């Protein structure tokens, strides 16, 4: 959990409540492709 919190700007020495951690779910999603539409003309 410390690694994730550090990545998003939290300080060090954080203390996590055991009850909160027991309800925590972490998902890692892999993106296979991204599509989009061009807005205007690119040069």
C-alpha atoms as a PDB file:
ATOM      1  CA  UNK A   1       0.000   0.000   0.000  1.00  0.00           C
ATOM      2  CA  UNK A   2       2.886   2.354   0.740  1.00  0.00           C
ATOM      3  CA  UNK A   3       4.118   2.058  -2.858  1.00  0.00           C
ATOM      4  CA  UNK A   4       0.744   3.052  -4.260  1.00  0.00           C
ATOM      5  CA  UNK A   5       0.337   5.945  -1.833  1.00  0.00           C
ATOM      6  CA  UNK A   6       3.858   7.199  -2.589  1.00  0.00           C
ATOM      7  CA  UNK A   7       3.160   7.126  -6.337  1.00  0.00           C
ATOM      8  CA  UNK A   8       0.222   9.478  -5.851  1.00  0.00           C
ATOM      9  CA  UNK A   9       1.973  11.956  -3.568  1.00  0.00           C
ATOM     10  CA  UNK A  10       1.388  10.755  -0.006  1.00  0.00           C
ATOM     11  CA  UNK A  11       4.143  11.199   2.519  1.00  0.00           C
ATOM     12  CA  UNK A  12       5.966   8.458   4.374  1.00  0.00           C
ATOM     13  CA  UNK A  13       5.125   6.842   7.702  1.00  0.00           C
ATOM     14  CA  UNK A  14       1.447   6.311   6.948  1.00  0.00           C
ATOM     15  CA  UNK A  15      -0.565   4.120   9.298  1.00  0.00           C
ATOM     16  CA  UNK A  16      -3.394   2.034   7.871  1.00  0.00           C
ATOM     17  CA  UNK A  17      -6.434   0.917   9.817  1.00  0.00           C
ATOM     18  CA  UNK A  18      -6.704  -2.898   9.723  1.00  0.00           C
ATOM     19  CA  UNK A  19     -10.479  -2.722   9.163  1.00  0.00           C
ATOM     20  CA  UNK A  20     -10.093  -0.356   6.199  1.00  0.00           C
ATOM     21  CA  UNK A  21      -7.387  -2.531   4.650  1.00  0.00           C
ATOM     22  CA  UNK A  22      -9.574  -5.609   4.977  1.00  0.00           C
ATOM     23  CA  UNK A  23     -12.161  -3.905   2.703  1.00  0.00           C
ATOM     24  CA  UNK A  24      -9.587  -2.626   0.210  1.00  0.00           C
ATOM     25  CA  UNK A  25      -9.642  -3.912  -3.360  1.00  0.00           C
ATOM     26  CA  UNK A  26      -6.865  -3.054  -5.805  1.00  0.00           C
ATOM     27  CA  UNK A  27      -7.402  -3.695  -9.500  1.00  0.00           C
ATOM     28  CA  UNK A  28      -4.759  -3.593 -12.210  1.00  0.00           C
ATOM     29  CA  UNK A  29      -6.255  -3.138 -15.644  1.00  0.00           C
ATOM     30  CA  UNK A  30      -4.349  -3.835 -18.844  1.00  0.00           C
ATOM     31  CA  UNK A  31      -5.278  -1.672 -21.824  1.00  0.00           C
ATOM     32  CA  UNK A  32      -5.203  -3.598 -25.086  1.00  0.00           C
ATOM     33  CA  UNK A  33      -6.050  -0.761 -27.449  1.00  0.00           C
ATOM     34  CA  UNK A  34      -7.172   2.848 -27.509  1.00  0.00           C
ATOM     35  CA  UNK A  35      -9.170   4.498 -30.263  1.00  0.00           C
ATOM     36  CA  UNK A  36     -10.081   8.105 -30.806  1.00  0.00           C
ATOM     37  CA  UNK A  37     -11.166  10.759 -33.236  1.00  0.00           C
ATOM     38  CA  UNK A  38      -9.013  13.623 -34.486  1.00  0.00           C
ATOM     39  CA  UNK A  39     -10.354  17.091 -33.748  1.00  0.00           C
ATOM     40  CA  UNK A  40      -9.390  19.688 -36.361  1.00  0.00           C
ATOM     41  CA  UNK A  41      -6.428  19.491 -38.710  1.00  0.00           C
ATOM     42  CA  UNK A  42      -2.997  18.513 -37.412  1.00  0.00           C
ATOM     43  CA  UNK A  43       0.071  19.758 -39.142  1.00  0.00           C
END
